[in-house]
């Protein structure tokens, strides 16, 4: 089968494009049964020669996220020529918080510069358009059961979980620092209001003030986060920008305990992959006791969304960090290896080809 992935080139989308397009594509190509191409979204907008070449040769076109009026003509064009067109939706546009990076596009219709075909905002908003544009495609791919339930009323849905390329994590040497314990909080792509609502921020404040051995590695670029970080002991905080797919394993290699807060309707629909990434690097983790992580409870530590529970769990793991590392190198690590895209090639094929069989 010949498959073309149509993807955004926006920096803020790069990590999710890597997970939803590059990882399954690499597994499909390596199987020897498929030929895979990538097409930037802007080329698809304008039906450029590259778009014509990439789509004319494809049996299936997979559009990552951006199903809205600018892509409608391309979808109609290639379906009319007998191509299967799928949309891959990996975030809940209905429940985006106002401080989430995607809110201005999905809820207000304000287009990023590469998408602009004029100065006006898109109306109705892309989030509203999506409900009826789902009917214009052959199927919908989603990474979580919660998102699948949201999409069932709008079209045919197949579950395609997020998978790793585990080699990207295994080749990175550990950068653990002696005589200290580093907490990792990756807020890239997460609303600061969600972090605050989970209680994790207050929990971190408590433990950093209680123990000079504890430190924080924070990734993200929200101005509200900068104000919060300024209240912490500066010498025990390292701040990184929004992490790329390539930069993530290097950042994680510095972490001793991963923190995975989740609260609210948007977070409940998110992927558990961040926990799997910690497991791939043998890092113990603590997560909110919420649906994305409940299926992985045996491999980590789940807490209620209160500062006291976060602080207690962090303190206990920090005191028992060597035992926690040994445990993380066992069953959690083996589970992470099982989540490699190549190990799950048949599931990837079934998700994509399921629409072929149904259609």
Protein backbone atom coordinates (compact mmCIF):
# COMPACT_ATOMS: atom_id res chain seq x y z
CA UNK A 1 0.00 0.00 0.00
CA UNK A 2 1.15 3.54 -0.77
CA UNK A 3 0.48 6.02 2.02
CA UNK A 4 1.03 9.79 2.09
CA UNK A 5 1.09 11.59 5.44
CA UNK A 6 0.07 15.27 5.19
CA UNK A 7 1.50 17.17 8.14
CA UNK A 8 2.03 20.61 9.64
CA UNK A 9 5.49 22.17 9.65
CA UNK A 10 4.70 24.50 12.58
CA UNK A 11 7.32 24.16 15.35
CA UNK A 12 4.61 23.70 17.99
CA UNK A 13 3.28 20.65 16.10
CA UNK A 14 6.64 19.00 15.48
CA UNK A 15 6.56 16.57 18.41
CA UNK A 16 3.07 15.27 17.65
CA UNK A 17 3.84 15.02 13.91
CA UNK A 18 6.80 12.86 14.87
CA UNK A 19 4.65 10.58 17.01
CA UNK A 20 1.59 10.37 14.73
CA UNK A 21 3.28 10.47 11.31
CA UNK A 22 6.99 9.66 11.42
CA UNK A 23 6.89 6.76 13.89
CA UNK A 24 4.11 4.75 12.19
CA UNK A 25 5.52 5.66 8.77
CA UNK A 26 8.95 4.30 9.66
CA UNK A 27 7.40 1.04 10.84
CA UNK A 28 5.23 0.76 7.72
CA UNK A 29 8.19 1.41 5.42
CA UNK A 30 10.46 -1.02 7.30
CA UNK A 31 7.89 -3.81 6.96
CA UNK A 32 8.59 -3.93 3.22
CA UNK A 33 4.85 -4.02 2.50
CA UNK A 34 4.26 -0.29 2.10
CA UNK A 35 5.67 2.83 0.49
CA UNK A 36 5.37 6.02 2.54
CA UNK A 37 5.62 9.68 1.58
CA UNK A 38 5.41 12.90 3.59
CA UNK A 39 3.76 16.07 2.34
CA UNK A 40 3.84 19.46 4.10
CA UNK A 41 0.38 20.86 4.76
CA UNK A 42 1.05 24.06 2.81
CA UNK A 43 1.77 22.01 -0.32
CA UNK A 44 -1.56 20.23 0.14
CA UNK A 45 -3.33 23.61 0.53
CA UNK A 46 -2.03 24.88 -2.80
CA UNK A 47 -2.09 21.61 -4.78
CA UNK A 48 1.55 22.15 -5.67
CA UNK A 49 3.44 19.78 -8.00
CA UNK A 50 4.76 18.02 -4.88
CA UNK A 51 1.19 17.56 -3.64
CA UNK A 52 0.03 16.21 -6.99
CA UNK A 53 2.93 13.77 -7.10
CA UNK A 54 2.56 12.64 -3.47
CA UNK A 55 -1.22 12.24 -3.57
CA UNK A 56 -1.69 10.88 -7.11
CA UNK A 57 0.55 7.92 -6.31
CA UNK A 58 -1.06 7.21 -2.91
CA UNK A 59 -3.73 4.66 -2.05
CA UNK A 60 -4.35 6.35 1.30
CA UNK A 61 -3.83 9.98 2.33
CA UNK A 62 -3.63 10.65 6.08
CA UNK A 63 -4.18 14.27 7.10
CA UNK A 64 -2.81 14.99 10.57
CA UNK A 65 -5.15 17.28 12.56
CA UNK A 66 -5.83 20.14 10.17
CA UNK A 67 -9.19 19.32 8.61
CA UNK A 68 -10.71 22.77 8.02
CA UNK A 69 -11.74 24.99 5.12
CA UNK A 70 -8.19 25.40 3.73
CA UNK A 71 -7.83 21.63 3.31
CA UNK A 72 -11.40 20.95 2.15
CA UNK A 73 -10.65 21.40 -1.55
CA UNK A 74 -7.72 18.99 -1.37
CA UNK A 75 -9.79 16.38 0.47
CA UNK A 76 -12.61 16.62 -2.10
CA UNK A 77 -10.18 16.59 -5.02
CA UNK A 78 -8.42 13.40 -4.02
CA UNK A 79 -11.53 11.56 -2.88
CA UNK A 80 -13.04 12.32 -6.28
CA UNK A 81 -10.02 10.60 -7.81
CA UNK A 82 -10.65 7.46 -5.78
CA UNK A 83 -8.22 8.02 -2.92
CA UNK A 84 -8.99 7.07 0.67
CA UNK A 85 -8.58 10.19 2.81
CA UNK A 86 -8.29 9.79 6.59
CA UNK A 87 -7.96 12.48 9.25
CA UNK A 88 -5.85 11.83 12.35
CA UNK A 89 -7.19 13.79 15.33
CA UNK A 90 -4.97 13.52 18.39
CA UNK A 91 -6.33 16.31 20.58
CA UNK A 92 -9.76 17.32 21.85
CA UNK A 93 -10.54 20.62 20.15
CA UNK A 94 -13.82 20.87 22.07
CA UNK A 95 -12.12 21.13 25.46
CA UNK A 96 -9.10 23.32 24.76
CA UNK A 97 -8.43 25.77 27.59
CA UNK A 98 -7.99 29.42 26.64
CA UNK A 99 -4.29 29.23 27.57
CA UNK A 100 -3.61 26.09 25.53
CA UNK A 101 -1.27 26.71 22.54
CA UNK A 102 -3.91 25.52 20.03
CA UNK A 103 -6.82 27.59 21.34
CA UNK A 104 -6.41 30.62 19.07
CA UNK A 105 -6.55 28.44 15.94
CA UNK A 106 -9.17 25.85 16.84
CA UNK A 107 -11.57 28.01 18.85
CA UNK A 108 -10.99 31.53 17.47
CA UNK A 109 -10.05 30.73 13.88
CA UNK A 110 -6.83 32.76 13.97
CA UNK A 111 -4.54 31.15 11.41
CA UNK A 112 -0.79 30.71 11.85
CA UNK A 113 1.15 32.61 9.20
CA UNK A 114 1.85 29.62 6.89
CA UNK A 115 -1.91 28.85 6.75
CA UNK A 116 -3.12 32.35 5.89
CA UNK A 117 -5.06 32.98 2.68
CA UNK A 118 -6.08 36.47 3.80
CA UNK A 119 -6.25 38.48 6.99
CA UNK A 120 -9.66 37.38 8.29
CA UNK A 121 -10.11 34.73 10.97
CA UNK A 122 -11.74 31.49 9.87
CA UNK A 123 -15.48 31.45 10.55
CA UNK A 124 -17.05 29.24 11.77
CA UNK A 125 -14.05 28.27 13.88
CA UNK A 126 -12.04 25.19 12.82
CA UNK A 127 -13.36 23.36 15.90
CA UNK A 128 -16.92 23.94 14.68
CA UNK A 129 -16.06 23.10 11.07
CA UNK A 130 -14.50 19.83 12.14
CA UNK A 131 -17.86 18.39 13.21
CA UNK A 132 -19.26 18.48 9.70
CA UNK A 133 -16.01 18.08 7.78
CA UNK A 134 -15.59 14.66 9.42
CA UNK A 135 -18.31 13.57 7.00
CA UNK A 136 -16.06 14.54 4.07
CA UNK A 137 -13.37 11.94 4.87
CA UNK A 138 -13.34 8.16 4.74
CA UNK A 139 -12.38 7.71 8.37
CA UNK A 140 -11.02 9.17 11.60
CA UNK A 141 -7.91 7.95 13.43
CA UNK A 142 -7.58 8.72 17.15
CA UNK A 143 -4.99 7.70 19.79
CA UNK A 144 -7.27 7.17 22.82
CA UNK A 145 -10.63 5.51 23.61
CA UNK A 146 -11.88 8.78 25.11
CA UNK A 147 -11.31 10.62 21.82
CA UNK A 148 -12.86 7.72 19.93
CA UNK A 149 -16.09 8.10 21.92
CA UNK A 150 -16.16 11.82 21.08
CA UNK A 151 -15.74 11.12 17.37
CA UNK A 152 -18.14 8.15 16.98
CA UNK A 153 -21.18 10.39 16.23
CA UNK A 154 -19.34 12.08 13.37
CA UNK A 155 -17.89 9.24 11.28
CA UNK A 156 -16.09 5.92 11.18
CA UNK A 157 -13.37 5.75 13.81
CA UNK A 158 -10.33 3.53 14.27
CA UNK A 159 -8.08 3.55 17.33
CA UNK A 160 -4.40 3.99 16.47
CA UNK A 161 -2.39 4.27 19.68
CA UNK A 162 0.72 6.39 19.99
CA UNK A 163 3.87 4.31 19.55
CA UNK A 164 7.53 5.06 20.16
CA UNK A 165 10.62 4.61 18.12
CA UNK A 166 12.42 3.12 21.13
CA UNK A 167 15.84 3.45 19.48
CA UNK A 168 15.57 7.21 19.98
CA UNK A 169 15.50 6.67 23.74
CA UNK A 170 17.88 3.75 24.12
CA UNK A 171 20.87 5.47 22.54
CA UNK A 172 20.85 8.49 24.87
CA UNK A 173 23.31 8.20 27.79
CA UNK A 174 22.06 9.03 31.28
CA UNK A 175 22.93 12.48 32.62
CA UNK A 176 21.91 11.82 36.22
CA UNK A 177 23.60 14.12 38.70
CA UNK A 178 25.10 12.66 41.88
CA UNK A 179 23.73 13.58 45.32
CA UNK A 180 20.61 15.21 43.90
CA UNK A 181 17.19 14.16 42.63
CA UNK A 182 15.73 15.94 39.62
CA UNK A 183 11.99 16.11 39.05
CA UNK A 184 10.91 16.35 35.42
CA UNK A 185 7.83 18.36 34.38
CA UNK A 186 7.34 18.65 30.62
CA UNK A 187 4.67 21.30 30.06
CA UNK A 188 5.24 21.50 26.29
CA UNK A 189 1.79 21.61 24.70
CA UNK A 190 -0.03 21.61 28.06
CA UNK A 191 -2.09 24.51 29.40
CA UNK A 192 -0.64 26.13 32.51
CA UNK A 193 -4.15 26.23 34.00
CA UNK A 194 -4.14 22.42 33.82
CA UNK A 195 -0.86 22.20 35.71
CA UNK A 196 -2.20 24.56 38.35
CA UNK A 197 -5.51 22.71 38.67
CA UNK A 198 -3.78 19.36 39.20
CA UNK A 199 -2.05 20.49 42.40
CA UNK A 200 1.36 19.44 41.09
CA UNK A 201 2.80 22.96 41.17
CA UNK A 202 2.06 23.46 44.86
CA UNK A 203 3.33 19.96 45.54
CA UNK A 204 6.63 20.80 43.84
CA UNK A 205 6.92 24.03 45.81
CA UNK A 206 6.47 22.12 49.06
CA UNK A 207 9.09 19.48 48.38
CA UNK A 208 11.68 21.91 47.00
CA UNK A 209 11.42 23.99 50.14
CA UNK A 210 11.51 20.89 52.36
CA UNK A 211 14.57 19.25 50.79
CA UNK A 212 17.62 20.88 49.25
CA UNK A 213 18.37 17.58 47.53
CA UNK A 214 15.39 18.04 45.18
CA UNK A 215 15.56 20.01 41.93
CA UNK A 216 13.24 20.71 39.00
CA UNK A 217 13.75 20.38 35.26
CA UNK A 218 10.88 22.26 33.57
CA UNK A 219 10.14 22.39 29.84
CA UNK A 220 7.67 24.87 28.36
CA UNK A 221 7.24 28.47 27.30
CA UNK A 222 4.04 29.73 28.96
CA UNK A 223 4.52 33.22 30.52
CA UNK A 224 2.46 32.13 33.54
CA UNK A 225 4.90 29.28 34.07
CA UNK A 226 7.79 31.76 34.07
CA UNK A 227 6.14 33.71 36.88
CA UNK A 228 5.64 30.53 38.91
CA UNK A 229 9.20 29.36 38.30
CA UNK A 230 10.56 32.68 39.56
CA UNK A 231 9.21 31.79 43.02
CA UNK A 232 11.35 28.64 43.22
CA UNK A 233 15.01 28.47 44.30
CA UNK A 234 16.74 29.53 41.07
CA UNK A 235 19.87 27.46 41.69
CA UNK A 236 17.79 24.27 41.76
CA UNK A 237 15.69 24.86 38.64
CA UNK A 238 16.61 24.27 35.02
CA UNK A 239 14.22 25.59 32.39
CA UNK A 240 14.12 24.34 28.82
CA UNK A 241 12.05 25.65 25.89
CA UNK A 242 9.26 23.62 24.31
CA UNK A 243 10.86 20.27 23.52
CA UNK A 244 11.21 18.88 20.02
CA UNK A 245 10.97 15.16 19.36
CA UNK A 246 14.75 15.05 19.00
CA UNK A 247 15.36 17.06 22.17
CA UNK A 248 12.99 15.13 24.41
CA UNK A 249 15.13 12.02 25.10
CA UNK A 250 18.15 14.20 25.92
CA UNK A 251 16.06 16.22 28.39
CA UNK A 252 14.58 13.09 29.97
CA UNK A 253 18.06 11.66 30.48
CA UNK A 254 18.60 14.30 33.20
CA UNK A 255 15.42 13.35 35.11
CA UNK A 256 15.16 11.05 38.14
CA UNK A 257 11.38 11.25 38.70
CA UNK A 258 8.88 12.08 35.97
CA UNK A 259 5.72 14.05 36.84
CA UNK A 260 2.58 13.66 34.72
CA UNK A 261 -0.32 15.85 35.87
CA UNK A 262 -3.74 15.61 34.21
CA UNK A 263 -6.97 17.38 35.12
CA UNK A 264 -10.06 18.47 33.21
CA UNK A 265 -11.80 17.20 30.11
CA UNK A 266 -8.95 17.99 27.68
CA UNK A 267 -6.33 16.09 29.67
CA UNK A 268 -8.64 13.10 30.15
CA UNK A 269 -8.50 12.55 26.39
CA UNK A 270 -4.73 12.74 26.12
CA UNK A 271 -2.35 9.90 25.34
CA UNK A 272 -0.48 7.94 28.03
CA UNK A 273 2.65 8.07 25.86
CA UNK A 274 4.58 10.50 28.14
CA UNK A 275 4.58 7.80 30.84
CA UNK A 276 5.85 5.25 28.31
CA UNK A 277 8.66 7.64 27.34
CA UNK A 278 9.83 7.77 30.96
CA UNK A 279 9.64 3.97 31.14
CA UNK A 280 11.74 3.65 27.97
CA UNK A 281 14.49 5.49 29.84
CA UNK A 282 13.99 3.53 33.09
CA UNK A 283 12.73 6.59 34.96
CA UNK A 284 10.22 6.22 37.81
CA UNK A 285 7.13 8.39 37.35
CA UNK A 286 4.13 9.81 39.22
CA UNK A 287 0.89 10.65 37.42
CA UNK A 288 -2.57 11.94 38.22
CA UNK A 289 -5.02 9.13 38.90
CA UNK A 290 -6.91 9.85 35.68
CA UNK A 291 -7.97 7.70 32.68
CA UNK A 292 -4.89 8.30 30.49
CA UNK A 293 -2.61 6.70 33.09
CA UNK A 294 -4.86 4.28 34.96
CA UNK A 295 -4.07 1.47 32.52
CA UNK A 296 -0.39 1.82 33.45
CA UNK A 297 -0.89 1.87 37.23
CA UNK A 298 1.23 -1.24 37.80
CA UNK A 299 4.26 0.49 36.27
CA UNK A 300 4.17 3.81 38.15
CA UNK A 301 2.57 5.75 40.96
CA UNK A 302 -0.88 7.37 40.68
CA UNK A 303 -1.99 10.20 42.97
CA UNK A 304 -5.06 12.33 43.53
CA UNK A 305 -4.89 15.89 42.28
CA UNK A 306 -3.99 17.56 45.55
CA UNK A 307 -0.73 19.27 46.54
CA UNK A 308 -0.43 17.01 49.59
CA UNK A 309 -0.63 13.80 47.55
CA UNK A 310 1.88 15.05 44.99
CA UNK A 311 4.29 16.16 47.71
CA UNK A 312 3.96 12.89 49.62
CA UNK A 313 4.56 10.75 46.51
CA UNK A 314 7.53 12.83 45.39
CA UNK A 315 9.07 12.73 48.84
CA UNK A 316 8.65 8.97 49.17
CA UNK A 317 10.15 8.24 45.73
CA UNK A 318 13.05 10.61 46.35
CA UNK A 319 13.84 8.85 49.63
CA UNK A 320 13.73 5.48 47.89
CA UNK A 321 15.16 6.50 44.53
CA UNK A 322 17.60 3.60 44.11
CA UNK A 323 14.88 1.00 44.68
CA UNK A 324 12.57 2.96 42.37
CA UNK A 325 15.20 2.96 39.62
CA UNK A 326 15.69 -0.78 39.93
CA UNK A 327 11.95 -1.30 39.65
CA UNK A 328 11.75 1.02 36.63
CA UNK A 329 14.43 -1.06 34.89
CA UNK A 330 12.22 -4.18 35.14
CA UNK A 331 8.61 -4.59 34.03
CA UNK A 332 8.04 -0.89 33.17
CA UNK A 333 11.04 -0.88 30.83
CA UNK A 334 9.94 -4.11 29.15
CA UNK A 335 6.46 -2.66 28.67
CA UNK A 336 7.95 0.42 27.00
CA UNK A 337 9.90 -1.79 24.58
CA UNK A 338 6.60 -3.47 23.64
CA UNK A 339 5.25 -0.07 22.60
CA UNK A 340 7.73 0.37 19.76
CA UNK A 341 5.99 1.14 16.47
CA UNK A 342 7.78 -1.69 14.66
CA UNK A 343 6.59 -4.15 17.31
CA UNK A 344 3.02 -3.03 16.62
CA UNK A 345 3.10 -2.88 12.84
CA UNK A 346 0.07 -5.17 12.48
CA UNK A 347 -2.02 -2.91 14.72
CA UNK A 348 -0.96 0.11 12.67
CA UNK A 349 -1.89 -1.68 9.45
CA UNK A 350 -5.26 -2.78 10.84
CA UNK A 351 -6.13 0.76 11.92
CA UNK A 352 -5.34 2.25 8.50
CA UNK A 353 -6.68 -0.63 6.44
CA UNK A 354 -9.81 -1.00 8.55
CA UNK A 355 -11.39 1.77 6.50
CA UNK A 356 -10.47 -0.05 3.30
CA UNK A 357 -12.29 -3.14 4.51
CA UNK A 358 -15.31 -1.14 5.68
CA UNK A 359 -15.46 1.06 2.61
